[in-house]
Amino acid sequence: MKKLINSVDNVLAESLDGFAAAHADLVVLGAERKFVRRRELNPSKVALVSGGGSGHEPLHAGFVGHGMLDAACPGQVFTSPTPDQIVEAAQAVAGDAGVLFIVKNYAGDRMNFEMAAEIAEGHTATIVTDDDVAVEKSTYSTGRRGVAGTLVVEKIVGAAAEKGADLKACVALGERVNAQTRSMGVALTSCTVPAAGSPTFALGEDEMEMGVGIHGEPGRRRVKLEAADTIAAEMTTAIADDLGARAGTEALLFVNGFGGTPTIELYLVYHAARRMLEGRGLRIARSLVGSYVTSLDMAGCSLTVSLLDGETTALWDDPVRTAALKW
């Protein structure tokens, strides 16, 4: 294993210290590194809190700031944050409007956020993201996994909260965006968890895992490596068929790298996916390309398509200022 680390035990702590120092104008690190919160809080708005296992950076801490999350709770690598982390984060950012938890559909995340919601004082609500069309049930989830579409929910709901939407409206909006968002990924290599010291799974030089999860969970099947156009065609077909969108519908196309894929390849996949989606009658009105929901050093990518309307397009376009997204 070749990693830029000092000690396996201190990877997360040292990384969080570096993150907080690099973005001190935007974020503050909570006590004992239990959470990252916005430096400038707005106590009159709904506070958005998310989190999950580390190793998916910049998700979620990279999306803390104006127009997105108010706090994020980082668990150990691929391990859910604990209820006390979540409770303390909620208490640190909560105002009179309440707290909204945005939770990816993994058993550990859901259990710990549910426990935190029961403990936390004040008005809380929860949105669960489950945008992955690859499989209906996986290693860590019952039902579809929450993957890169979580970013889309956090951005659009974060913009609405910034504008003053109340907790009920934020929940309804988040559930609508999640219902209109689908994702699917492909892995060309495994990731290597530092504590394990070896790849999570083995792929031959001529193999890929179609429908892989963001922790390296199995996908639909293991197949021979294909050309980018063929890979994009399978993913866009699965996504578009599941969405069932009418021709002429506007959409956001998000091509996400898993951590080990160069940007030149991500734009190549974007080009292929866009052509194929437009060939099915979708209008790609907004785009995002980059490594935003990663799986450590895994090579591969995911495609996310989120259907847009006038309201969600405007909220996507609203200003955002975080470590990972700024416009």
Protein backbone atom coordinates (compact mmCIF):
# COMPACT_ATOMS: atom_id res chain seq x y z
CA MET A 1 0.00 0.00 0.00
CA LYS A 2 1.34 3.42 -1.00
CA LYS A 3 -0.44 6.27 0.80
CA LEU A 4 0.53 9.81 1.77
CA ILE A 5 -0.02 9.20 5.46
CA ASN A 6 1.93 9.26 8.72
CA SER A 7 -0.05 6.73 10.71
CA VAL A 8 -3.14 4.70 9.85
CA ASP A 9 -4.66 5.68 13.19
CA ASN A 10 -4.32 9.42 12.56
CA VAL A 11 -5.37 9.72 8.90
CA LEU A 12 -8.77 11.29 9.57
CA ALA A 13 -7.66 13.57 12.41
CA GLU A 14 -4.74 15.02 10.48
CA SER A 15 -6.82 15.39 7.32
CA LEU A 16 -9.56 17.27 9.20
CA ASP A 17 -6.99 19.58 10.78
CA GLY A 18 -5.62 20.35 7.35
CA PHE A 19 -9.07 20.88 5.87
CA ALA A 20 -10.12 23.28 8.64
CA ALA A 21 -6.89 25.25 8.35
CA ALA A 22 -7.06 25.49 4.55
CA HIS A 23 -10.66 26.72 4.62
CA ALA A 24 -10.67 28.70 7.87
CA ASP A 25 -12.62 31.49 6.18
CA LEU A 26 -15.52 29.08 5.60
CA VAL A 27 -15.55 26.43 8.33
CA VAL A 28 -14.83 25.70 11.98
CA LEU A 29 -13.85 22.30 13.35
CA GLY A 30 -16.00 21.16 16.28
CA ALA A 31 -14.66 19.92 19.61
CA GLU A 32 -12.74 16.63 19.34
CA ARG A 33 -13.16 16.88 15.55
CA LYS A 34 -16.71 15.53 15.83
CA PHE A 35 -18.07 17.80 13.12
CA VAL A 36 -17.30 20.60 10.70
CA ARG A 37 -19.63 23.61 10.76
CA ARG A 38 -20.07 26.85 8.90
CA ARG A 39 -18.02 29.69 10.32
CA GLU A 40 -20.86 32.18 9.79
CA LEU A 41 -24.13 30.73 11.08
CA ASN A 42 -27.60 32.04 10.30
CA PRO A 43 -29.82 31.19 13.29
CA SER A 44 -33.00 32.20 11.45
CA LYS A 45 -32.76 29.53 8.72
CA VAL A 46 -33.30 25.77 8.67
CA ALA A 47 -29.94 24.16 9.49
CA LEU A 48 -28.83 21.32 7.20
CA VAL A 49 -26.71 18.57 8.76
CA SER A 50 -25.31 15.58 6.90
CA GLY A 51 -22.42 13.18 7.24
CA GLY A 52 -21.17 9.67 6.73
CA GLY A 53 -18.01 7.67 6.56
CA SER A 54 -14.85 9.45 5.46
CA GLY A 55 -13.15 8.44 2.24
CA HIS A 56 -15.78 10.11 0.03
CA GLU A 57 -14.24 13.59 0.14
CA PRO A 58 -15.21 16.27 -0.59
CA LEU A 59 -18.57 14.80 0.47
CA HIS A 60 -19.73 15.95 3.03
CA ALA A 61 -17.40 18.46 4.74
CA GLY A 62 -16.49 20.04 1.43
CA PHE A 63 -20.11 21.12 1.02
CA VAL A 64 -20.34 23.00 4.33
CA GLY A 65 -20.89 26.70 3.76
CA HIS A 66 -23.24 29.28 2.33
CA GLY A 67 -25.96 27.70 0.20
CA MET A 68 -25.41 24.10 1.26
CA LEU A 69 -24.74 22.39 4.59
CA ASP A 70 -24.47 24.01 7.98
CA ALA A 71 -22.58 21.06 9.46
CA ALA A 72 -21.13 17.69 8.47
CA CYS A 73 -20.16 14.75 10.67
CA PRO A 74 -17.20 12.66 9.42
CA GLY A 75 -17.05 9.06 10.58
CA GLN A 76 -13.94 6.96 10.26
CA VAL A 77 -13.22 5.69 6.74
CA PHE A 78 -16.37 4.03 5.37
CA THR A 79 -17.86 4.04 8.89
CA SER A 80 -20.96 5.97 9.94
CA PRO A 81 -20.62 8.91 12.33
CA THR A 82 -21.81 8.20 15.86
CA PRO A 83 -25.07 9.58 17.28
CA ASP A 84 -23.21 11.86 19.69
CA GLN A 85 -21.33 13.45 16.78
CA ILE A 86 -24.61 14.15 15.01
CA VAL A 87 -26.33 15.50 18.13
CA GLU A 88 -23.45 17.86 18.89
CA ALA A 89 -23.38 19.08 15.30
CA ALA A 90 -27.13 19.74 15.36
CA GLN A 91 -26.85 21.62 18.63
CA ALA A 92 -24.00 23.74 17.28
CA VAL A 93 -25.93 25.00 14.25
CA ALA A 94 -29.61 24.78 15.25
CA GLY A 95 -31.74 27.89 15.26
CA ASP A 96 -35.45 28.52 15.68
CA ALA A 97 -36.31 27.07 12.24
CA GLY A 98 -35.15 23.54 13.10
CA VAL A 99 -32.62 21.05 11.77
CA LEU A 100 -32.87 18.92 8.64
CA PHE A 101 -30.77 15.74 8.48
CA ILE A 102 -29.78 14.57 4.98
CA VAL A 103 -28.87 10.89 5.18
CA LYS A 104 -27.63 8.43 2.56
CA ASN A 105 -29.49 5.13 2.53
CA TYR A 106 -27.02 2.92 4.37
CA ALA A 107 -28.00 0.93 7.43
CA GLY A 108 -25.40 2.45 9.76
CA ASP A 109 -26.06 6.02 8.67
CA ARG A 110 -29.81 5.65 9.00
CA MET A 111 -29.61 4.00 12.42
CA ASN A 112 -27.25 6.60 13.89
CA PHE A 113 -29.08 9.59 12.45
CA GLU A 114 -32.39 8.18 13.72
CA MET A 115 -30.91 7.81 17.20
CA ALA A 116 -29.56 11.35 17.03
CA ALA A 117 -32.96 12.71 15.95
CA GLU A 118 -34.54 11.06 19.01
CA ILE A 119 -31.94 12.57 21.33
CA ALA A 120 -31.62 16.03 19.80
CA GLU A 121 -33.61 18.81 21.33
CA GLY A 122 -35.70 21.00 19.08
CA HIS A 123 -37.51 20.50 15.80
CA THR A 124 -35.84 18.02 13.41
CA ALA A 125 -36.69 16.20 10.19
CA THR A 126 -34.88 13.77 7.90
CA ILE A 127 -34.46 13.20 4.16
CA VAL A 128 -33.03 9.85 3.01
CA THR A 129 -31.33 9.76 -0.39
CA ASP A 130 -31.53 6.56 -2.46
CA ASP A 131 -30.61 7.48 -6.02
CA ASP A 132 -28.53 4.43 -7.07
CA VAL A 133 -30.34 2.37 -9.74
CA ALA A 134 -27.67 -0.33 -9.96
CA VAL A 135 -29.12 -2.72 -7.39
CA GLU A 136 -32.20 -2.81 -5.18
CA LYS A 137 -30.33 -4.25 -2.20
CA SER A 138 -26.64 -4.14 -1.32
CA THR A 139 -24.03 -5.00 1.29
CA TYR A 140 -24.82 -2.05 3.56
CA SER A 141 -28.33 -1.10 2.51
CA THR A 142 -31.89 -2.29 2.33
CA GLY A 143 -33.27 -0.61 -0.74
CA ARG A 144 -31.31 1.56 -3.11
CA ARG A 145 -28.07 3.14 -1.99
CA GLY A 146 -27.65 6.87 -1.53
CA VAL A 147 -24.72 8.00 -3.67
CA ALA A 148 -23.73 11.05 -5.74
CA GLY A 149 -27.31 12.31 -6.03
CA THR A 150 -26.94 13.33 -2.38
CA LEU A 151 -24.90 16.32 -3.55
CA VAL A 152 -27.79 17.46 -5.76
CA VAL A 153 -30.23 17.26 -2.83
CA GLU A 154 -27.84 19.15 -0.55
CA LYS A 155 -27.28 21.93 -3.10
CA ILE A 156 -30.91 22.52 -4.03
CA VAL A 157 -32.34 22.20 -0.51
CA GLY A 158 -29.43 24.24 0.85
CA ALA A 159 -30.33 27.08 -1.52
CA ALA A 160 -33.98 26.92 -0.48
CA ALA A 161 -33.05 27.01 3.21
CA GLU A 162 -30.78 30.00 2.56
CA LYS A 163 -33.75 31.80 1.02
CA GLY A 164 -35.85 31.16 4.15
CA ALA A 165 -37.88 28.05 3.28
CA ASP A 166 -39.27 26.43 6.42
CA LEU A 167 -38.54 22.88 7.57
CA LYS A 168 -41.65 21.38 6.01
CA ALA A 169 -40.94 23.01 2.66
CA CYS A 170 -37.30 21.88 2.75
CA VAL A 171 -38.34 18.28 3.41
CA ALA A 172 -40.89 18.30 0.58
CA LEU A 173 -38.36 19.81 -1.81
CA GLY A 174 -35.64 17.35 -0.83
CA GLU A 175 -37.91 14.36 -1.28
CA ARG A 176 -38.99 15.67 -4.69
CA VAL A 177 -35.39 16.18 -5.84
CA ASN A 178 -34.39 12.74 -4.59
CA ALA A 179 -37.35 11.18 -6.44
CA GLN A 180 -36.22 12.89 -9.66
CA THR A 181 -32.56 11.84 -9.35
CA ARG A 182 -30.88 8.60 -10.42
CA SER A 183 -27.24 7.46 -10.40
CA MET A 184 -25.09 4.53 -11.46
CA GLY A 185 -21.37 3.86 -11.18
CA VAL A 186 -18.61 1.71 -12.64
CA ALA A 187 -15.28 0.73 -11.09
CA LEU A 188 -12.11 0.00 -13.03
CA THR A 189 -10.06 -0.71 -9.90
CA SER A 190 -10.73 -1.28 -6.22
CA CYS A 191 -10.11 1.25 -3.49
CA THR A 192 -7.70 0.57 -0.62
CA VAL A 193 -8.84 1.43 2.91
CA PRO A 194 -5.74 2.54 4.87
CA ALA A 195 -6.59 0.40 7.90
CA ALA A 196 -6.95 -2.68 5.69
CA GLY A 197 -3.76 -2.08 3.74
CA SER A 198 -4.91 -4.00 0.68
CA PRO A 199 -7.56 -3.54 -2.05
CA THR A 200 -11.16 -4.13 -0.97
CA PHE A 201 -11.77 -6.41 -3.95
CA ALA A 202 -9.82 -7.73 -6.91
CA LEU A 203 -10.39 -6.84 -10.55
CA GLY A 204 -8.41 -8.27 -13.43
CA GLU A 205 -6.59 -5.90 -15.79
CA ASP A 206 -9.36 -6.43 -18.34
CA GLU A 207 -12.32 -6.32 -15.92
CA MET A 208 -14.71 -3.72 -14.50
CA GLU A 209 -17.48 -3.76 -11.88
CA MET A 210 -20.67 -2.39 -13.39
CA GLY A 211 -22.95 -0.76 -10.83
CA VAL A 212 -20.38 -0.59 -8.03
CA GLY A 213 -21.21 1.14 -4.73
CA ILE A 214 -19.17 3.97 -3.24
CA HIS A 215 -17.64 1.65 -0.62
CA GLY A 216 -16.65 -0.90 -3.23
CA GLU A 217 -19.82 -2.95 -2.80
CA PRO A 218 -20.65 -5.33 -5.65
CA GLY A 219 -22.67 -3.99 -8.53
CA ARG A 220 -24.82 -5.67 -11.15
CA ARG A 221 -22.04 -7.82 -12.54
CA ARG A 222 -18.34 -8.06 -13.26
CA VAL A 223 -17.59 -7.83 -16.98
CA LYS A 224 -14.78 -7.28 -19.44
CA LEU A 225 -13.60 -3.69 -19.81
CA GLU A 226 -15.44 -1.91 -22.63
CA ALA A 227 -15.01 1.36 -24.51
CA ALA A 228 -16.22 4.50 -22.74
CA ASP A 229 -19.17 4.86 -25.12
CA THR A 230 -20.37 1.35 -24.27
CA ILE A 231 -20.02 1.97 -20.53
CA ALA A 232 -21.86 5.28 -20.78
CA ALA A 233 -24.60 3.68 -22.86
CA GLU A 234 -25.34 1.05 -20.22
CA MET A 235 -25.43 3.57 -17.40
CA THR A 236 -27.50 6.17 -19.22
CA THR A 237 -29.98 3.52 -20.35
CA ALA A 238 -30.45 2.22 -16.81
CA ILE A 239 -30.87 5.74 -15.44
CA ALA A 240 -33.17 7.05 -18.17
CA ASP A 241 -35.36 3.95 -18.15
CA ASP A 242 -35.78 4.23 -14.40
CA LEU A 243 -36.58 7.94 -14.52
CA GLY A 244 -39.09 7.51 -17.33
CA ALA A 245 -38.79 11.18 -18.27
CA ARG A 246 -40.75 12.63 -21.16
CA ALA A 247 -38.92 14.02 -24.18
CA GLY A 248 -38.12 17.69 -23.72
CA THR A 249 -37.62 17.45 -19.96
CA GLU A 250 -34.69 19.50 -18.67
CA ALA A 251 -32.06 17.74 -16.60
CA LEU A 252 -28.81 18.11 -14.74
CA LEU A 253 -26.03 15.74 -15.84
CA PHE A 254 -23.40 15.11 -13.16
CA VAL A 255 -20.35 13.00 -14.02
CA ASN A 256 -18.55 12.12 -10.80
CA GLY A 257 -15.08 10.66 -10.42
CA PHE A 258 -14.38 8.07 -7.74
CA GLY A 259 -10.97 9.45 -6.78
CA GLY A 260 -8.58 7.73 -9.17
CA THR A 261 -9.90 8.92 -12.53
CA PRO A 262 -8.30 11.83 -14.42
CA THR A 263 -10.49 14.74 -15.43
CA ILE A 264 -9.76 14.15 -19.12
CA GLU A 265 -11.59 10.82 -18.86
CA LEU A 266 -14.51 12.30 -16.92
CA TYR A 267 -15.16 14.87 -19.66
CA LEU A 268 -14.91 12.13 -22.27
CA VAL A 269 -17.61 10.17 -20.42
CA TYR A 270 -19.67 13.35 -20.04
CA HIS A 271 -19.52 13.90 -23.80
CA ALA A 272 -20.75 10.36 -24.44
CA ALA A 273 -23.48 10.45 -21.79
CA ARG A 274 -24.78 13.83 -22.93
CA ARG A 275 -25.13 12.68 -26.54
CA MET A 276 -26.98 9.57 -25.45
CA LEU A 277 -29.35 11.36 -23.10
CA GLU A 278 -30.13 14.02 -25.68
CA GLY A 279 -30.76 11.21 -28.15
CA ARG A 280 -33.49 10.02 -25.77
CA GLY A 281 -35.08 13.47 -25.75
CA LEU A 282 -33.70 14.91 -22.51
CA ARG A 283 -32.43 18.50 -22.55
CA ILE A 284 -29.21 18.83 -20.55
CA ALA A 285 -29.72 22.26 -19.00
CA ARG A 286 -27.07 22.08 -16.25
CA SER A 287 -23.84 20.12 -15.83
CA LEU A 288 -21.29 19.21 -13.20
CA VAL A 289 -18.09 17.25 -13.86
CA GLY A 290 -15.47 16.35 -11.27
CA SER A 291 -14.59 14.14 -8.32
CA TYR A 292 -17.09 15.14 -5.64
CA VAL A 293 -18.32 11.84 -4.15
CA THR A 294 -15.26 9.63 -4.15
CA SER A 295 -14.27 6.21 -2.92
CA LEU A 296 -10.70 6.89 -1.79
CA ASP A 297 -8.45 5.95 -4.73
CA MET A 298 -10.91 3.94 -6.81
CA ALA A 299 -10.68 4.39 -10.56
CA GLY A 300 -14.06 4.76 -12.20
CA CYS A 301 -16.98 7.15 -12.23
CA SER A 302 -20.69 7.52 -11.74
CA LEU A 303 -23.38 9.26 -13.75
CA THR A 304 -26.18 11.15 -12.07
CA VAL A 305 -29.19 12.61 -13.84
CA SER A 306 -31.59 14.88 -11.97
CA LEU A 307 -34.73 16.16 -13.65
CA LEU A 308 -35.20 19.91 -13.32
CA ASP A 309 -38.07 22.35 -13.30
CA GLY A 310 -38.16 26.12 -13.00
CA GLU A 311 -37.81 26.10 -9.21
CA THR A 312 -35.04 23.52 -8.93
CA THR A 313 -33.05 25.06 -11.80
CA ALA A 314 -33.13 28.45 -10.10
CA LEU A 315 -32.09 26.93 -6.78
CA TRP A 316 -29.22 25.02 -8.43
CA ASP A 317 -28.05 28.33 -9.94
CA ASP A 318 -28.19 30.17 -6.59
CA PRO A 319 -24.85 31.28 -5.13
CA VAL A 320 -22.92 28.70 -3.15
CA ARG A 321 -19.67 29.12 -1.26
CA THR A 322 -18.09 25.97 0.11
CA ALA A 323 -14.64 24.40 -0.07
CA ALA A 324 -15.66 22.14 -2.96
CA LEU A 325 -18.34 24.15 -4.78
CA LYS A 326 -18.32 27.90 -5.41
CA TRP A 327 -20.42 29.95 -7.80
